[in-house]
Amino acid sequence: MRFIKAMLTSASMLLASGVTALAAQDPPIKVDVHTSESHTVWYTDPVWLAIGGAVLLLIVVLAVMAARGRRSTTTVIR
């Protein structure tokens, strides 16, 4: 039992020293992104893309409904 405790203690000390050594080596990363443009083109705006998708879906649904309505509902009895 004493051997297992000694192994766990040495492994945890080794792990802790490795973590502190890695943390000390990495400098802080600073990222600054500046763009000169403050507007987007209207056709790349997500709102207009959603509106266009909804209109396209509505047109497809109307076309499918119109194609279904052309069927004859007359029943021929002999």
PDB file of N, CA and C in Angstrom:
ATOM      1  N   MET A   1       0.824  -1.185   0.000  1.00  0.00           N
ATOM      2  CA  MET A   1       0.000   0.000   0.000  1.00  0.00           C
ATOM      3  C   MET A   1       0.873   1.256   0.000  1.00  0.00           C
ATOM      4  N   ARG A   2       1.993   1.165   0.697  1.00  0.00           N
ATOM      5  CA  ARG A   2       2.902   2.304   0.774  1.00  0.00           C
ATOM      6  C   ARG A   2       3.491   2.632  -0.602  1.00  0.00           C
ATOM      7  N   PHE A   3       3.736   1.597  -1.391  1.00  0.00           N
ATOM      8  CA  PHE A   3       4.278   1.799  -2.727  1.00  0.00           C
ATOM      9  C   PHE A   3       3.275   2.524  -3.635  1.00  0.00           C
ATOM     10  N   ILE A   4       2.003   2.144  -3.554  1.00  0.00           N
ATOM     11  CA  ILE A   4       0.966   2.770  -4.376  1.00  0.00           C
ATOM     12  C   ILE A   4       0.815   4.241  -4.004  1.00  0.00           C
ATOM     13  N   LYS A   5       0.821   4.555  -2.709  1.00  0.00           N
ATOM     14  CA  LYS A   5       0.716   5.947  -2.271  1.00  0.00           C
ATOM     15  C   LYS A   5       1.906   6.768  -2.757  1.00  0.00           C
ATOM     16  N   ALA A   6       3.096   6.178  -2.703  1.00  0.00           N
ATOM     17  CA  ALA A   6       4.291   6.884  -3.151  1.00  0.00           C
ATOM     18  C   ALA A   6       4.231   7.129  -4.663  1.00  0.00           C
ATOM     19  N   MET A   7       3.744   6.170  -5.433  1.00  0.00           N
ATOM     20  CA  MET A   7       3.622   6.335  -6.882  1.00  0.00           C
ATOM     21  C   MET A   7       2.594   7.409  -7.220  1.00  0.00           C
ATOM     22  N   LEU A   8       1.447   7.391  -6.544  1.00  0.00           N
ATOM     23  CA  LEU A   8       0.411   8.393  -6.807  1.00  0.00           C
ATOM     24  C   LEU A   8       0.891   9.790  -6.424  1.00  0.00           C
ATOM     25  N   THR A   9       1.599   9.898  -5.329  1.00  0.00           N
ATOM     26  CA  THR A   9       2.112  11.190  -4.893  1.00  0.00           C
ATOM     27  C   THR A   9       3.142  11.730  -5.883  1.00  0.00           C
ATOM     28  N   SER A  10       4.043  10.878  -6.312  1.00  0.00           N
ATOM     29  CA  SER A  10       5.066  11.340  -7.255  1.00  0.00           C
ATOM     30  C   SER A  10       4.448  11.674  -8.609  1.00  0.00           C
ATOM     31  N   ALA A  11       3.445  10.918  -9.033  1.00  0.00           N
ATOM     32  CA  ALA A  11       2.784  11.201 -10.311  1.00  0.00           C
ATOM     33  C   ALA A  11       2.030  12.526 -10.242  1.00  0.00           C
ATOM     34  N   SER A  12       1.344  12.796  -9.133  1.00  0.00           N
ATOM     35  CA  SER A  12       0.607  14.053  -9.016  1.00  0.00           C
ATOM     36  C   SER A  12       1.553  15.240  -8.929  1.00  0.00           C
ATOM     37  N   MET A  13       2.705  15.074  -8.255  1.00  0.00           N
ATOM     38  CA  MET A  13       3.677  16.167  -8.184  1.00  0.00           C
ATOM     39  C   MET A  13       4.281  16.429  -9.559  1.00  0.00           C
ATOM     40  N   LEU A  14       4.549  15.377 -10.306  1.00  0.00           N
ATOM     41  CA  LEU A  14       5.084  15.529 -11.654  1.00  0.00           C
ATOM     42  C   LEU A  14       4.074  16.216 -12.568  1.00  0.00           C
ATOM     43  N   LEU A  15       2.818  15.836 -12.454  1.00  0.00           N
ATOM     44  CA  LEU A  15       1.761  16.444 -13.259  1.00  0.00           C
ATOM     45  C   LEU A  15       1.579  17.914 -12.895  1.00  0.00           C
ATOM     46  N   ALA A  16       1.584  18.230 -11.623  1.00  0.00           N
ATOM     47  CA  ALA A  16       1.415  19.618 -11.182  1.00  0.00           C
ATOM     48  C   ALA A  16       2.588  20.477 -11.643  1.00  0.00           C
ATOM     49  N   SER A  17       3.799  19.957 -11.574  1.00  0.00           N
ATOM     50  CA  SER A  17       4.951  20.745 -12.012  1.00  0.00           C
ATOM     51  C   SER A  17       4.929  20.939 -13.521  1.00  0.00           C
ATOM     52  N   GLY A  18       4.453  19.941 -14.260  1.00  0.00           N
ATOM     53  CA  GLY A  18       4.348  20.072 -15.709  1.00  0.00           C
ATOM     54  C   GLY A  18       3.307  21.100 -16.114  1.00  0.00           C
ATOM     55  N   VAL A  19       2.189  21.147 -15.394  1.00  0.00           N
ATOM     56  CA  VAL A  19       1.137  22.117 -15.696  1.00  0.00           C
ATOM     57  C   VAL A  19       1.609  23.529 -15.398  1.00  0.00           C
ATOM     58  N   THR A  20       2.281  23.726 -14.296  1.00  0.00           N
ATOM     59  CA  THR A  20       2.755  25.071 -13.964  1.00  0.00           C
ATOM     60  C   THR A  20       3.852  25.500 -14.929  1.00  0.00           C
ATOM     61  N   ALA A  21       4.688  24.550 -15.391  1.00  0.00           N
ATOM     62  CA  ALA A  21       5.736  24.900 -16.345  1.00  0.00           C
ATOM     63  C   ALA A  21       5.126  25.290 -17.688  1.00  0.00           C
ATOM     64  N   LEU A  22       4.083  24.602 -18.118  1.00  0.00           N
ATOM     65  CA  LEU A  22       3.424  24.949 -19.374  1.00  0.00           C
ATOM     66  C   LEU A  22       2.704  26.282 -19.274  1.00  0.00           C
ATOM     67  N   ALA A  23       2.093  26.534 -18.138  1.00  0.00           N
ATOM     68  CA  ALA A  23       1.384  27.804 -17.955  1.00  0.00           C
ATOM     69  C   ALA A  23       2.353  28.975 -17.917  1.00  0.00           C
ATOM     70  N   ALA A  24       3.547  28.762 -17.401  1.00  0.00           N
ATOM     71  CA  ALA A  24       4.530  29.834 -17.323  1.00  0.00           C
ATOM     72  C   ALA A  24       5.149  30.129 -18.689  1.00  0.00           C
ATOM     73  N   GLN A  25       5.186  29.168 -19.587  1.00  0.00           N
ATOM     74  CA  GLN A  25       5.828  29.357 -20.876  1.00  0.00           C
ATOM     75  C   GLN A  25       4.952  30.073 -21.895  1.00  0.00           C
ATOM     76  N   ASP A  26       3.632  29.900 -21.830  1.00  0.00           N
ATOM     77  CA  ASP A  26       2.746  30.462 -22.844  1.00  0.00           C
ATOM     78  C   ASP A  26       2.468  31.934 -22.568  1.00  0.00           C
ATOM     79  N   PRO A  27       2.837  32.815 -23.504  1.00  0.00           N
ATOM     80  CA  PRO A  27       2.500  34.229 -23.327  1.00  0.00           C
ATOM     81  C   PRO A  27       1.018  34.442 -23.631  1.00  0.00           C
ATOM     82  N   PRO A  28       0.429  35.476 -23.096  1.00  0.00           N
ATOM     83  CA  PRO A  28      -0.983  35.729 -23.388  1.00  0.00           C
ATOM     84  C   PRO A  28      -1.159  36.118 -24.856  1.00  0.00           C
ATOM     85  N   ILE A  29      -2.230  35.663 -25.439  1.00  0.00           N
ATOM     86  CA  ILE A  29      -2.502  35.921 -26.850  1.00  0.00           C
ATOM     87  C   ILE A  29      -3.512  37.054 -26.947  1.00  0.00           C
ATOM     88  N   LYS A  30      -3.181  38.065 -27.732  1.00  0.00           N
ATOM     89  CA  LYS A  30      -4.078  39.201 -27.919  1.00  0.00           C
ATOM     90  C   LYS A  30      -4.403  39.303 -29.406  1.00  0.00           C
ATOM     91  N   VAL A  31      -5.680  39.269 -29.729  1.00  0.00           N
ATOM     92  CA  VAL A  31      -6.110  39.327 -31.122  1.00  0.00           C
ATOM     93  C   VAL A  31      -7.005  40.547 -31.293  1.00  0.00           C
ATOM     94  N   ASP A  32      -6.623  41.446 -32.185  1.00  0.00           N
ATOM     95  CA  ASP A  32      -7.430  42.620 -32.504  1.00  0.00           C
ATOM     96  C   ASP A  32      -7.801  42.557 -33.981  1.00  0.00           C
ATOM     97  N   VAL A  33      -9.093  42.651 -34.239  1.00  0.00           N
ATOM     98  CA  VAL A  33      -9.570  42.627 -35.613  1.00  0.00           C
ATOM     99  C   VAL A  33     -10.283  43.942 -35.878  1.00  0.00           C
ATOM    100  N   HIS A  34      -9.801  44.686 -36.847  1.00  0.00           N
ATOM    101  CA  HIS A  34     -10.407  45.962 -37.214  1.00  0.00           C
ATOM    102  C   HIS A  34     -10.724  45.926 -38.698  1.00  0.00           C
ATOM    103  N   THR A  35     -11.942  46.282 -39.029  1.00  0.00           N
ATOM    104  CA  THR A  35     -12.321  46.369 -40.437  1.00  0.00           C
ATOM    105  C   THR A  35     -12.730  47.792 -40.744  1.00  0.00           C
ATOM    106  N   SER A  36     -12.526  48.196 -41.976  1.00  0.00           N
ATOM    107  CA  SER A  36     -12.864  49.561 -42.353  1.00  0.00           C
ATOM    108  C   SER A  36     -14.318  49.675 -42.803  1.00  0.00           C
ATOM    109  N   GLU A  37     -14.943  48.548 -43.174  1.00  0.00           N
ATOM    110  CA  GLU A  37     -16.324  48.591 -43.638  1.00  0.00           C
ATOM    111  C   GLU A  37     -17.278  48.391 -42.473  1.00  0.00           C
ATOM    112  N   SER A  38     -18.344  49.178 -42.460  1.00  0.00           N
ATOM    113  CA  SER A  38     -19.310  49.073 -41.364  1.00  0.00           C
ATOM    114  C   SER A  38     -20.662  48.581 -41.847  1.00  0.00           C
ATOM    115  N   HIS A  39     -20.812  48.295 -43.124  1.00  0.00           N
ATOM    116  CA  HIS A  39     -22.085  47.826 -43.652  1.00  0.00           C
ATOM    117  C   HIS A  39     -21.867  46.603 -44.538  1.00  0.00           C
ATOM    118  N   THR A  40     -22.963  45.880 -44.768  1.00  0.00           N
ATOM    119  CA  THR A  40     -22.904  44.726 -45.642  1.00  0.00           C
ATOM    120  C   THR A  40     -23.784  44.986 -46.856  1.00  0.00           C
ATOM    121  N   VAL A  41     -23.593  44.188 -47.859  1.00  0.00           N
ATOM    122  CA  VAL A  41     -24.429  44.268 -49.052  1.00  0.00           C
ATOM    123  C   VAL A  41     -25.768  43.641 -48.702  1.00  0.00           C
ATOM    124  N   TRP A  42     -26.853  44.187 -49.239  1.00  0.00           N
ATOM    125  CA  TRP A  42     -28.186  43.749 -48.818  1.00  0.00           C
ATOM    126  C   TRP A  42     -28.428  42.273 -49.075  1.00  0.00           C
ATOM    127  N   TYR A  43     -27.870  41.699 -50.137  1.00  0.00           N
ATOM    128  CA  TYR A  43     -28.162  40.299 -50.442  1.00  0.00           C
ATOM    129  C   TYR A  43     -27.332  39.328 -49.617  1.00  0.00           C
ATOM    130  N   THR A  44     -26.417  39.816 -48.797  1.00  0.00           N
ATOM    131  CA  THR A  44     -25.708  38.919 -47.879  1.00  0.00           C
ATOM    132  C   THR A  44     -26.201  39.077 -46.445  1.00  0.00           C
ATOM    133  N   ASP A  45     -27.175  39.949 -46.239  1.00  0.00           N
ATOM    134  CA  ASP A  45     -27.736  40.153 -44.904  1.00  0.00           C
ATOM    135  C   ASP A  45     -28.601  38.943 -44.542  1.00  0.00           C
ATOM    136  N   PRO A  46     -28.433  38.363 -43.363  1.00  0.00           N
ATOM    137  CA  PRO A  46     -29.205  37.175 -42.988  1.00  0.00           C
ATOM    138  C   PRO A  46     -30.717  37.394 -42.991  1.00  0.00           C
ATOM    139  N   VAL A  47     -31.170  38.595 -42.703  1.00  0.00           N
ATOM    140  CA  VAL A  47     -32.609  38.863 -42.698  1.00  0.00           C
ATOM    141  C   VAL A  47     -33.168  38.710 -44.118  1.00  0.00           C
ATOM    142  N   TRP A  48     -32.495  39.281 -45.102  1.00  0.00           N
ATOM    143  CA  TRP A  48     -32.964  39.179 -46.478  1.00  0.00           C
ATOM    144  C   TRP A  48     -32.836  37.761 -47.012  1.00  0.00           C
ATOM    145  N   LEU A  49     -31.830  37.031 -46.563  1.00  0.00           N
ATOM    146  CA  LEU A  49     -31.714  35.629 -46.955  1.00  0.00           C
ATOM    147  C   LEU A  49     -32.885  34.817 -46.412  1.00  0.00           C
ATOM    148  N   ALA A  50     -33.290  35.087 -45.173  1.00  0.00           N
ATOM    149  CA  ALA A  50     -34.425  34.381 -44.579  1.00  0.00           C
ATOM    150  C   ALA A  50     -35.723  34.745 -45.303  1.00  0.00           C
ATOM    151  N   ILE A  51     -35.901  36.022 -45.616  1.00  0.00           N
ATOM    152  CA  ILE A  51     -37.107  36.445 -46.338  1.00  0.00           C
ATOM    153  C   ILE A  51     -37.148  35.795 -47.724  1.00  0.00           C
ATOM    154  N   GLY A  52     -36.027  35.779 -48.425  1.00  0.00           N
ATOM    155  CA  GLY A  52     -35.962  35.144 -49.736  1.00  0.00           C
ATOM    156  C   GLY A  52     -36.244  33.653 -49.668  1.00  0.00           C
ATOM    157  N   GLY A  53     -35.719  32.985 -48.636  1.00  0.00           N
ATOM    158  CA  GLY A  53     -35.988  31.553 -48.465  1.00  0.00           C
ATOM    159  C   GLY A  53     -37.453  31.285 -48.191  1.00  0.00           C
ATOM    160  N   ALA A  54     -38.097  32.141 -47.386  1.00  0.00           N
ATOM    161  CA  ALA A  54     -39.520  31.970 -47.095  1.00  0.00           C
ATOM    162  C   ALA A  54     -40.360  32.190 -48.352  1.00  0.00           C
ATOM    163  N   VAL A  55     -40.011  33.183 -49.161  1.00  0.00           N
ATOM    164  CA  VAL A  55     -40.745  33.444 -50.405  1.00  0.00           C
ATOM    165  C   VAL A  55     -40.569  32.279 -51.374  1.00  0.00           C
ATOM    166  N   LEU A  56     -39.366  31.767 -51.487  1.00  0.00           N
ATOM    167  CA  LEU A  56     -39.117  30.622 -52.363  1.00  0.00           C
ATOM    168  C   LEU A  56     -39.906  29.398 -51.905  1.00  0.00           C
ATOM    169  N   LEU A  57     -39.957  29.148 -50.621  1.00  0.00           N
ATOM    170  CA  LEU A  57     -40.726  28.035 -50.077  1.00  0.00           C
ATOM    171  C   LEU A  57     -42.211  28.222 -50.360  1.00  0.00           C
ATOM    172  N   LEU A  58     -42.718  29.440 -50.232  1.00  0.00           N
ATOM    173  CA  LEU A  58     -44.121  29.733 -50.507  1.00  0.00           C
ATOM    174  C   LEU A  58     -44.447  29.479 -51.983  1.00  0.00           C
ATOM    175  N   ILE A  59     -43.555  29.858 -52.881  1.00  0.00           N
ATOM    176  CA  ILE A  59     -43.772  29.624 -54.306  1.00  0.00           C
ATOM    177  C   ILE A  59     -43.804  28.131 -54.612  1.00  0.00           C
ATOM    178  N   VAL A  60     -42.914  27.373 -54.006  1.00  0.00           N
ATOM    179  CA  VAL A  60     -42.899  25.925 -54.227  1.00  0.00           C
ATOM    180  C   VAL A  60     -44.177  25.289 -53.708  1.00  0.00           C
ATOM    181  N   VAL A  61     -44.622  25.692 -52.531  1.00  0.00           N
ATOM    182  CA  VAL A  61     -45.854  25.136 -51.959  1.00  0.00           C
ATOM    183  C   VAL A  61     -47.051  25.483 -52.838  1.00  0.00           C
ATOM    184  N   LEU A  62     -47.123  26.712 -53.320  1.00  0.00           N
ATOM    185  CA  LEU A  62     -48.227  27.107 -54.194  1.00  0.00           C
ATOM    186  C   LEU A  62     -48.199  26.326 -55.505  1.00  0.00           C
ATOM    187  N   ALA A  63     -47.029  26.079 -56.054  1.00  0.00           N
ATOM    188  CA  ALA A  63     -46.921  25.304 -57.289  1.00  0.00           C
ATOM    189  C   ALA A  63     -47.372  23.867 -57.077  1.00  0.00           C
ATOM    190  N   VAL A  64     -47.024  23.280 -55.954  1.00  0.00           N
ATOM    191  CA  VAL A  64     -47.441  21.907 -55.659  1.00  0.00           C
ATOM    192  C   VAL A  64     -48.948  21.850 -55.469  1.00  0.00           C
ATOM    193  N   MET A  65     -49.502  22.829 -54.775  1.00  0.00           N
ATOM    194  CA  MET A  65     -50.953  22.851 -54.568  1.00  0.00           C
ATOM    195  C   MET A  65     -51.693  23.063 -55.885  1.00  0.00           C
ATOM    196  N   ALA A  66     -51.152  23.889 -56.767  1.00  0.00           N
ATOM    197  CA  ALA A  66     -51.794  24.125 -58.059  1.00  0.00           C
ATOM    198  C   ALA A  66     -51.753  22.863 -58.913  1.00  0.00           C
ATOM    199  N   ALA A  67     -50.669  22.123 -58.845  1.00  0.00           N
ATOM    200  CA  ALA A  67     -50.567  20.884 -59.616  1.00  0.00           C
ATOM    201  C   ALA A  67     -51.539  19.834 -59.088  1.00  0.00           C
ATOM    202  N   ARG A  68     -51.797  19.812 -57.822  1.00  0.00           N
ATOM    203  CA  ARG A  68     -52.744  18.858 -57.242  1.00  0.00           C
ATOM    204  C   ARG A  68     -54.180  19.235 -57.598  1.00  0.00           C
ATOM    205  N   GLY A  69     -54.441  20.520 -57.745  1.00  0.00           N
ATOM    206  CA  GLY A  69     -55.800  20.975 -58.014  1.00  0.00           C
ATOM    207  C   GLY A  69     -56.254  20.702 -59.427  1.00  0.00           C
ATOM    208  N   ARG A  70     -55.373  20.360 -60.332  1.00  0.00           N
ATOM    209  CA  ARG A  70     -55.743  20.109 -61.717  1.00  0.00           C
ATOM    210  C   ARG A  70     -56.356  18.731 -61.926  1.00  0.00           C
ATOM    211  N   ARG A  71     -56.321  17.905 -60.954  1.00  0.00           N
ATOM    212  CA  ARG A  71     -56.899  16.564 -61.089  1.00  0.00           C
ATOM    213  C   ARG A  71     -58.425  16.677 -61.189  1.00  0.00           C
ATOM    214  N   SER A  72     -58.977  15.797 -61.912  1.00  0.00           N
ATOM    215  CA  SER A  72     -60.425  15.788 -62.068  1.00  0.00           C
ATOM    216  C   SER A  72     -61.043  15.087 -60.866  1.00  0.00           C
ATOM    217  N   THR A  73     -62.106  15.651 -60.363  1.00  0.00           N
ATOM    218  CA  THR A  73     -62.802  15.052 -59.226  1.00  0.00           C
ATOM    219  C   THR A  73     -64.072  14.339 -59.695  1.00  0.00           C
ATOM    220  N   THR A  74     -64.247  14.203 -60.990  1.00  0.00           N
ATOM    221  CA  THR A  74     -65.426  13.554 -61.535  1.00  0.00           C
ATOM    222  C   THR A  74     -65.257  12.043 -61.462  1.00  0.00           C
ATOM    223  N   THR A  75     -66.264  11.374 -60.942  1.00  0.00           N
ATOM    224  CA  THR A  75     -66.258   9.915 -60.849  1.00  0.00           C
ATOM    225  C   THR A  75     -67.189   9.359 -61.919  1.00  0.00           C
ATOM    226  N   VAL A  76     -66.686   8.465 -62.720  1.00  0.00           N
ATOM    227  CA  VAL A  76     -67.476   7.858 -63.786  1.00  0.00           C
ATOM    228  C   VAL A  76     -68.014   6.540 -63.284  1.00  0.00           C
ATOM    229  N   ILE A  77     -69.326   6.393 -63.299  1.00  0.00           N
ATOM    230  CA  ILE A  77     -69.963   5.146 -62.861  1.00  0.00           C
ATOM    231  C   ILE A  77     -70.550   4.471 -64.090  1.00  0.00           C
ATOM    232  N   ARG A  78     -70.276   3.209 -64.309  1.00  0.00           N
ATOM    233  CA  ARG A  78     -70.805   2.485 -65.467  1.00  0.00           C
ATOM    234  C   ARG A  78     -72.039   1.732 -65.111  1.00  0.00           C
TER     235      ARG A  78
END
